Amino acid sequence: MKLLEERIKEDGLVLPGNVLKVNSFLNHQIDPELMNTVGQEFAHLFRDNNITRILTVESSGIAPAIMTGLALHVPVLFARKTKSSTMNNSLYTADVYSYTKKVTNKISVDQKFLLPTDNVLIIDDFLANGQAVSGLLEICRQAQAHVEGAGIVIEKAFQTGGAMLREQGVRVESLARIASFEDDTVHFVKE
């Protein structure tokens, strides 16, 4: 998605450890017009998959997930990283390691919101090592929900997550695929 790649080049900042900081438009401050375009693109890519529910992880996946849910006219469910006092014990859970925060979170979804009849589209902001998507896949497995694919805003194609998920048979659609960070510059995969 050319618009997204241009925004990454313009406003993204490459940090040590292969971290891309895009907090001016994606995961701290949100550009709603860009997220609307992202949601429309995911809706277009998965328009024939009879999606019944969007699933993401709090918090950075919520903005693109909501816009995708709006475009597809389906509910958006996000896995919580901390258990709310209002949540009961009827939860699907999975452990997810955060590459940028260097911590493992137990993510959870209330069982009443994810059903065996669901066709799920997983949406996330970044794909690096695939831990968040793997955790969401585990939650869908527990719910016996069918996963139609994963929509990723930015994939670090030089890391293992995308290849691992594709080898597992998961349809992964990434709107921007980064080939490398060289000389503090973002280089995209040539399609």
C-alpha atoms as a PDB file:
ATOM      1  CA  MET A   1       0.000   0.000   0.000  1.00  0.00           C
ATOM      2  CA  LYS A   2       1.871   2.980  -1.351  1.00  0.00           C
ATOM      3  CA  LEU A   3       0.223   5.561   0.946  1.00  0.00           C
ATOM      4  CA  LEU A   4       1.305   3.609   4.033  1.00  0.00           C
ATOM      5  CA  GLU A   5       4.854   3.105   2.738  1.00  0.00           C
ATOM      6  CA  GLU A   6       5.157   6.844   2.078  1.00  0.00           C
ATOM      7  CA  ARG A   7       3.928   7.628   5.585  1.00  0.00           C
ATOM      8  CA  ILE A   8       6.444   5.195   7.086  1.00  0.00           C
ATOM      9  CA  LYS A   9       9.261   6.837   5.104  1.00  0.00           C
ATOM     10  CA  GLU A  10       8.086  10.314   6.095  1.00  0.00           C
ATOM     11  CA  ASP A  11       7.279   9.812   9.789  1.00  0.00           C
ATOM     12  CA  GLY A  12       8.812   6.471  10.822  1.00  0.00           C
ATOM     13  CA  LEU A  13      11.962   6.374  12.908  1.00  0.00           C
ATOM     14  CA  VAL A  14      14.333   3.399  12.916  1.00  0.00           C
ATOM     15  CA  LEU A  15      15.614   2.636  16.415  1.00  0.00           C
ATOM     16  CA  PRO A  16      18.335   0.233  17.576  1.00  0.00           C
ATOM     17  CA  GLY A  17      17.310  -3.421  17.674  1.00  0.00           C
ATOM     18  CA  ASN A  18      15.324  -3.335  14.397  1.00  0.00           C
ATOM     19  CA  VAL A  19      12.497  -1.331  15.982  1.00  0.00           C
ATOM     20  CA  LEU A  20      10.399   0.966  13.818  1.00  0.00           C
ATOM     21  CA  LYS A  21       8.767   3.813  15.717  1.00  0.00           C
ATOM     22  CA  VAL A  22       5.518   4.891  14.047  1.00  0.00           C
ATOM     23  CA  ASN A  23       3.867   6.452  17.071  1.00  0.00           C
ATOM     24  CA  SER A  24       2.882   9.622  15.204  1.00  0.00           C
ATOM     25  CA  PHE A  25       0.222   7.803  13.158  1.00  0.00           C
ATOM     26  CA  LEU A  26      -0.280   4.173  14.247  1.00  0.00           C
ATOM     27  CA  ASN A  27       0.385   3.177  17.808  1.00  0.00           C
ATOM     28  CA  HIS A  28       0.319   6.217  20.079  1.00  0.00           C
ATOM     29  CA  GLN A  29      -1.229   9.000  18.080  1.00  0.00           C
ATOM     30  CA  ILE A  30      -3.648   7.676  15.459  1.00  0.00           C
ATOM     31  CA  ASP A  31      -4.228   9.133  11.991  1.00  0.00           C
ATOM     32  CA  PRO A  32      -7.918   8.263  11.538  1.00  0.00           C
ATOM     33  CA  GLU A  33      -7.933   8.940   7.794  1.00  0.00           C
ATOM     34  CA  LEU A  34      -4.967   6.625   7.246  1.00  0.00           C
ATOM     35  CA  MET A  35      -6.560   3.987   9.507  1.00  0.00           C
ATOM     36  CA  ASN A  36      -9.784   4.287   7.506  1.00  0.00           C
ATOM     37  CA  THR A  37      -7.824   3.618   4.321  1.00  0.00           C
ATOM     38  CA  VAL A  38      -6.103   0.664   6.019  1.00  0.00           C
ATOM     39  CA  GLY A  39      -9.475  -0.738   7.101  1.00  0.00           C
ATOM     40  CA  GLN A  40     -10.905  -0.337   3.613  1.00  0.00           C
ATOM     41  CA  GLU A  41      -7.908  -2.169   2.133  1.00  0.00           C
ATOM     42  CA  PHE A  42      -8.251  -5.112   4.543  1.00  0.00           C
ATOM     43  CA  ALA A  43     -11.998  -5.223   3.829  1.00  0.00           C
ATOM     44  CA  HIS A  44     -11.221  -5.340   0.106  1.00  0.00           C
ATOM     45  CA  LEU A  45      -8.627  -8.113   0.533  1.00  0.00           C
ATOM     46  CA  PHE A  46     -10.978 -10.301   2.607  1.00  0.00           C
ATOM     47  CA  ARG A  47     -14.322  -9.281   1.050  1.00  0.00           C
ATOM     48  CA  ASP A  48     -15.077 -12.811  -0.201  1.00  0.00           C
ATOM     49  CA  ASN A  49     -14.266 -14.609   3.067  1.00  0.00           C
ATOM     50  CA  ASN A  50     -17.574 -14.146   4.917  1.00  0.00           C
ATOM     51  CA  ILE A  51     -15.836 -12.580   7.926  1.00  0.00           C
ATOM     52  CA  THR A  52     -18.077 -12.543  11.010  1.00  0.00           C
ATOM     53  CA  ARG A  53     -15.639 -11.133  13.562  1.00  0.00           C
ATOM     54  CA  ILE A  54     -12.380  -9.174  13.726  1.00  0.00           C
ATOM     55  CA  LEU A  55      -9.897 -10.203  16.445  1.00  0.00           C
ATOM     56  CA  THR A  56      -6.892  -8.186  17.615  1.00  0.00           C
ATOM     57  CA  VAL A  57      -4.735  -7.577  20.703  1.00  0.00           C
ATOM     58  CA  GLU A  58      -4.920  -4.447  22.800  1.00  0.00           C
ATOM     59  CA  SER A  59      -3.868  -1.791  22.245  1.00  0.00           C
ATOM     60  CA  SER A  60      -2.089  -0.946  18.993  1.00  0.00           C
ATOM     61  CA  GLY A  61      -4.153  -3.310  16.874  1.00  0.00           C
ATOM     62  CA  ILE A  62      -7.440  -1.734  17.909  1.00  0.00           C
ATOM     63  CA  ALA A  63      -7.432   1.260  15.521  1.00  0.00           C
ATOM     64  CA  PRO A  64      -6.894  -0.706  12.280  1.00  0.00           C
ATOM     65  CA  ALA A  65      -9.210  -3.450  13.571  1.00  0.00           C
ATOM     66  CA  ILE A  66     -12.065  -1.040  14.262  1.00  0.00           C
ATOM     67  CA  MET A  67     -11.773   0.517  10.822  1.00  0.00           C
ATOM     68  CA  THR A  68     -11.742  -2.946   9.229  1.00  0.00           C
ATOM     69  CA  GLY A  69     -14.768  -3.987  11.270  1.00  0.00           C
ATOM     70  CA  LEU A  70     -16.555  -0.818  10.219  1.00  0.00           C
ATOM     71  CA  ALA A  71     -15.802  -1.502   6.549  1.00  0.00           C
ATOM     72  CA  LEU A  72     -16.937  -5.143   6.831  1.00  0.00           C
ATOM     73  CA  HIS A  73     -19.885  -4.371   9.149  1.00  0.00           C
ATOM     74  CA  VAL A  74     -18.774  -6.916  11.755  1.00  0.00           C
ATOM     75  CA  PRO A  75     -17.911  -6.678  15.472  1.00  0.00           C
ATOM     76  CA  VAL A  76     -14.358  -6.162  16.662  1.00  0.00           C
ATOM     77  CA  LEU A  77     -13.050  -8.173  19.595  1.00  0.00           C
ATOM     78  CA  PHE A  78      -9.740  -7.461  21.271  1.00  0.00           C
ATOM     79  CA  ALA A  79      -7.753  -9.752  23.509  1.00  0.00           C
ATOM     80  CA  ARG A  80      -6.950  -8.066  26.790  1.00  0.00           C
ATOM     81  CA  LYS A  81      -3.441  -8.121  28.209  1.00  0.00           C
ATOM     82  CA  THR A  82      -4.684  -7.764  31.770  1.00  0.00           C
ATOM     83  CA  LYS A  83      -7.780  -9.340  33.247  1.00  0.00           C
ATOM     84  CA  SER A  84     -10.439  -6.778  34.056  1.00  0.00           C
ATOM     85  CA  SER A  85     -12.358  -7.127  37.320  1.00  0.00           C
ATOM     86  CA  THR A  86     -15.544  -7.333  35.228  1.00  0.00           C
ATOM     87  CA  MET A  87     -14.351 -10.405  33.326  1.00  0.00           C
ATOM     88  CA  ASN A  88     -15.395 -13.812  34.590  1.00  0.00           C
ATOM     89  CA  ASN A  89     -13.297 -16.954  34.447  1.00  0.00           C
ATOM     90  CA  SER A  90     -14.822 -18.206  31.183  1.00  0.00           C
ATOM     91  CA  LEU A  91     -11.870 -17.076  29.116  1.00  0.00           C
ATOM     92  CA  TYR A  92      -9.768 -18.275  26.236  1.00  0.00           C
ATOM     93  CA  THR A  93      -6.133 -17.430  27.017  1.00  0.00           C
ATOM     94  CA  ALA A  94      -2.689 -17.550  25.445  1.00  0.00           C
ATOM     95  CA  ASP A  95       0.783 -16.334  26.385  1.00  0.00           C
ATOM     96  CA  VAL A  96       2.321 -13.749  24.057  1.00  0.00           C
ATOM     97  CA  TYR A  97       5.888 -12.440  24.194  1.00  0.00           C
ATOM     98  CA  SER A  98       6.304  -8.770  23.254  1.00  0.00           C
ATOM     99  CA  TYR A  99       9.440  -8.149  21.186  1.00  0.00           C
ATOM    100  CA  THR A 100       9.505  -4.395  21.883  1.00  0.00           C
ATOM    101  CA  LYS A 101       8.564  -4.549  25.585  1.00  0.00           C
ATOM    102  CA  LYS A 102      10.510  -7.754  26.388  1.00  0.00           C
ATOM    103  CA  VAL A 103       7.670  -9.165  28.516  1.00  0.00           C
ATOM    104  CA  THR A 104       5.232 -12.056  28.244  1.00  0.00           C
ATOM    105  CA  ASN A 105       1.550 -11.201  28.596  1.00  0.00           C
ATOM    106  CA  LYS A 106      -1.334 -13.602  29.141  1.00  0.00           C
ATOM    107  CA  ILE A 107      -3.944 -12.384  26.672  1.00  0.00           C
ATOM    108  CA  SER A 108      -7.575 -13.305  27.146  1.00  0.00           C
ATOM    109  CA  VAL A 109     -10.947 -13.167  25.412  1.00  0.00           C
ATOM    110  CA  ASP A 110     -14.330 -13.765  27.018  1.00  0.00           C
ATOM    111  CA  GLN A 111     -15.699 -17.030  25.618  1.00  0.00           C
ATOM    112  CA  LYS A 112     -19.125 -15.538  24.920  1.00  0.00           C
ATOM    113  CA  PHE A 113     -17.670 -13.264  22.221  1.00  0.00           C
ATOM    114  CA  LEU A 114     -15.834 -15.877  20.131  1.00  0.00           C
ATOM    115  CA  LEU A 115     -17.880 -18.768  18.781  1.00  0.00           C
ATOM    116  CA  PRO A 116     -17.234 -21.952  16.784  1.00  0.00           C
ATOM    117  CA  THR A 117     -19.447 -20.476  14.034  1.00  0.00           C
ATOM    118  CA  ASP A 118     -17.182 -17.427  13.601  1.00  0.00           C
ATOM    119  CA  ASN A 119     -15.049 -16.726  10.533  1.00  0.00           C
ATOM    120  CA  VAL A 120     -12.303 -14.622  12.073  1.00  0.00           C
ATOM    121  CA  LEU A 121      -9.998 -12.061  10.539  1.00  0.00           C
ATOM    122  CA  ILE A 122      -7.042 -11.299  12.785  1.00  0.00           C
ATOM    123  CA  ILE A 123      -5.749  -7.726  12.509  1.00  0.00           C
ATOM    124  CA  ASP A 124      -2.521  -6.415  14.043  1.00  0.00           C
ATOM    125  CA  ASP A 125      -0.297  -3.388  13.676  1.00  0.00           C
ATOM    126  CA  PHE A 126       3.068  -5.188  13.384  1.00  0.00           C
ATOM    127  CA  LEU A 127       4.279  -8.654  12.467  1.00  0.00           C
ATOM    128  CA  ALA A 128       7.854  -9.427  13.471  1.00  0.00           C
ATOM    129  CA  ASN A 129       8.308 -12.788  15.190  1.00  0.00           C
ATOM    130  CA  GLY A 130       4.632 -13.723  14.979  1.00  0.00           C
ATOM    131  CA  GLN A 131       3.974 -14.026  18.696  1.00  0.00           C
ATOM    132  CA  ALA A 132       0.810 -11.890  18.853  1.00  0.00           C
ATOM    133  CA  VAL A 133      -0.808 -13.575  15.858  1.00  0.00           C
ATOM    134  CA  SER A 134       0.196 -17.002  17.180  1.00  0.00           C
ATOM    135  CA  GLY A 135      -1.486 -16.185  20.486  1.00  0.00           C
ATOM    136  CA  LEU A 136      -4.647 -15.081  18.685  1.00  0.00           C
ATOM    137  CA  LEU A 137      -4.573 -18.270  16.593  1.00  0.00           C
ATOM    138  CA  GLU A 138      -4.359 -20.291  19.814  1.00  0.00           C
ATOM    139  CA  ILE A 139      -7.397 -18.443  21.196  1.00  0.00           C
ATOM    140  CA  CYS A 140      -9.316 -19.166  17.970  1.00  0.00           C
ATOM    141  CA  ARG A 141      -8.269 -22.828  18.202  1.00  0.00           C
ATOM    142  CA  GLN A 142      -9.635 -23.012  21.753  1.00  0.00           C
ATOM    143  CA  ALA A 143     -12.912 -21.440  20.564  1.00  0.00           C
ATOM    144  CA  GLN A 144     -13.004 -23.735  17.505  1.00  0.00           C
ATOM    145  CA  ALA A 145     -13.479 -20.584  15.403  1.00  0.00           C
ATOM    146  CA  HIS A 146     -12.320 -20.623  11.783  1.00  0.00           C
ATOM    147  CA  VAL A 147      -9.495 -18.197  10.963  1.00  0.00           C
ATOM    148  CA  GLU A 148      -9.758 -16.728   7.470  1.00  0.00           C
ATOM    149  CA  GLY A 149      -6.436 -14.920   7.680  1.00  0.00           C
ATOM    150  CA  ALA A 150      -4.368 -12.188   9.267  1.00  0.00           C
ATOM    151  CA  GLY A 151      -4.238  -8.584   8.129  1.00  0.00           C
ATOM    152  CA  ILE A 152      -1.021  -6.889   9.166  1.00  0.00           C
ATOM    153  CA  VAL A 153      -0.406  -3.172   8.818  1.00  0.00           C
ATOM    154  CA  ILE A 154       3.423  -3.434   8.834  1.00  0.00           C
ATOM    155  CA  GLU A 155       5.389  -6.667   8.453  1.00  0.00           C
ATOM    156  CA  LYS A 156       9.096  -6.909   9.140  1.00  0.00           C
ATOM    157  CA  ALA A 157       9.681  -9.470   6.387  1.00  0.00           C
ATOM    158  CA  PHE A 158      13.314  -9.933   7.470  1.00  0.00           C
ATOM    159  CA  GLN A 159      12.110 -11.482  10.746  1.00  0.00           C
ATOM    160  CA  THR A 160      10.632 -14.958  11.089  1.00  0.00           C
ATOM    161  CA  GLY A 161       6.961 -14.339  11.905  1.00  0.00           C
ATOM    162  CA  GLY A 162       5.505 -13.966   8.415  1.00  0.00           C
ATOM    163  CA  ALA A 163       7.268 -17.032   7.028  1.00  0.00           C
ATOM    164  CA  MET A 164       6.311 -19.109  10.081  1.00  0.00           C
ATOM    165  CA  LEU A 165       2.617 -18.202   9.799  1.00  0.00           C
ATOM    166  CA  ARG A 166       2.525 -18.770   6.036  1.00  0.00           C
ATOM    167  CA  GLU A 167       4.193 -22.180   6.509  1.00  0.00           C
ATOM    168  CA  GLN A 168       1.369 -23.024   8.941  1.00  0.00           C
ATOM    169  CA  GLY A 169      -1.112 -22.265   6.168  1.00  0.00           C
ATOM    170  CA  VAL A 170      -2.269 -18.901   7.521  1.00  0.00           C
ATOM    171  CA  ARG A 171      -3.182 -16.376   4.846  1.00  0.00           C
ATOM    172  CA  VAL A 172      -1.166 -13.268   5.769  1.00  0.00           C
ATOM    173  CA  GLU A 173      -1.907  -9.984   3.999  1.00  0.00           C
ATOM    174  CA  SER A 174       0.549  -7.233   4.940  1.00  0.00           C
ATOM    175  CA  LEU A 175      -0.005  -3.699   3.691  1.00  0.00           C
ATOM    176  CA  ALA A 176       3.657  -2.696   4.032  1.00  0.00           C
ATOM    177  CA  ARG A 177       6.456  -5.298   4.020  1.00  0.00           C
ATOM    178  CA  ILE A 178       9.842  -4.126   5.214  1.00  0.00           C
ATOM    179  CA  ALA A 179      12.846  -5.894   3.697  1.00  0.00           C
ATOM    180  CA  SER A 180      15.470  -4.243   5.901  1.00  0.00           C
ATOM    181  CA  PHE A 181      16.602  -1.259   7.896  1.00  0.00           C
ATOM    182  CA  GLU A 182      19.924  -0.092   6.460  1.00  0.00           C
ATOM    183  CA  ASP A 183      21.615   3.169   7.405  1.00  0.00           C
ATOM    184  CA  ASP A 184      18.509   4.093   9.427  1.00  0.00           C
ATOM    185  CA  THR A 185      16.457   3.863   6.233  1.00  0.00           C
ATOM    186  CA  VAL A 186      13.429   1.655   5.673  1.00  0.00           C
ATOM    187  CA  HIS A 187      13.664  -0.575   2.597  1.00  0.00           C
ATOM    188  CA  PHE A 188      10.466  -2.267   1.424  1.00  0.00           C
ATOM    189  CA  VAL A 189      10.008  -5.674  -0.188  1.00  0.00           C
ATOM    190  CA  LYS A 190       9.628  -5.267  -3.941  1.00  0.00           C
ATOM    191  CA  GLU A 191       6.434  -7.032  -4.995  1.00  0.00           C
END
